[in-house]
Amino acid sequence: MPTPARLNKIKKVLSHRQPDLTLVLENIHDPHNVSAILRSADAVGVLEICLVYNDEVFPKLGRQSSASAKKWLLYQKFKTIDQCYSYLRDRKFKIYATHLDNQAKSLYQIDLTKKVALVLGNEHRGVSKEALEKADGNLQIPQYGMVQSLNVSVAAAVILFEALRQREKAGYYQEQRLNSKTHKEVLSQWTKKKDIKDSKDVKEL
């Protein structure tokens, strides 16, 4: 069992988890990018990450760069976009792909207080055509520079912290968002984790 101070920290963090905000990582292969995305997700209070790896292998995450966040997130693995999207739609998520085109809405026009899943694509290819076409909508981060491109981990952070801004304004971090069953299950998992730098959570994905 964790120390009383550690247990209090776990309970406080868990009380801020947002079960209706998630990311879909589609074939993102660079371990540094994945690690940075996981850290941002943890910081914003994401509970679960969806992984679609059908062209790439989920990267082996380094001990130093990812250990602080990877063990505090839950993961769902899928072999296809259809499987992933079905899982999300069964749970009433609206799915937004991230892609720069004329049909995309600005990030700042999207209501991120709703039940939303945000799809991030491969570093070189971006979100796949299938993931884009089957999503409910498409968002982009407004940019005014010569180079209209952001690193995928930077884009993830910008989007997630806009979600945090909206949700904080709506008071979502002032109340427990998890139902009692999920809260009990996750608390049980978290209190069994050892406070060590290396965790088996993501190595098995």
Foldseek 3Di string as FASTA:
>chain_A
DDDPVVLVVVLLLQQQADALEEEEEEQAADQLLVQLLQVLCSVLRYAEYEYAYQPHDHYDHDLPRHLVGLLRHHYDYDPDLVVVVVVLVVVPAAEEEEDDDPQAAELVVDQLVGRYYYYFYYQPPTDDPVNHVPGNGYHYHDDDDPDRDDGRSVRSNVSSVVSSVNCVVVVSRVGRPDDPVVSVVSSVSVVPDDPDSDDCNPVVD
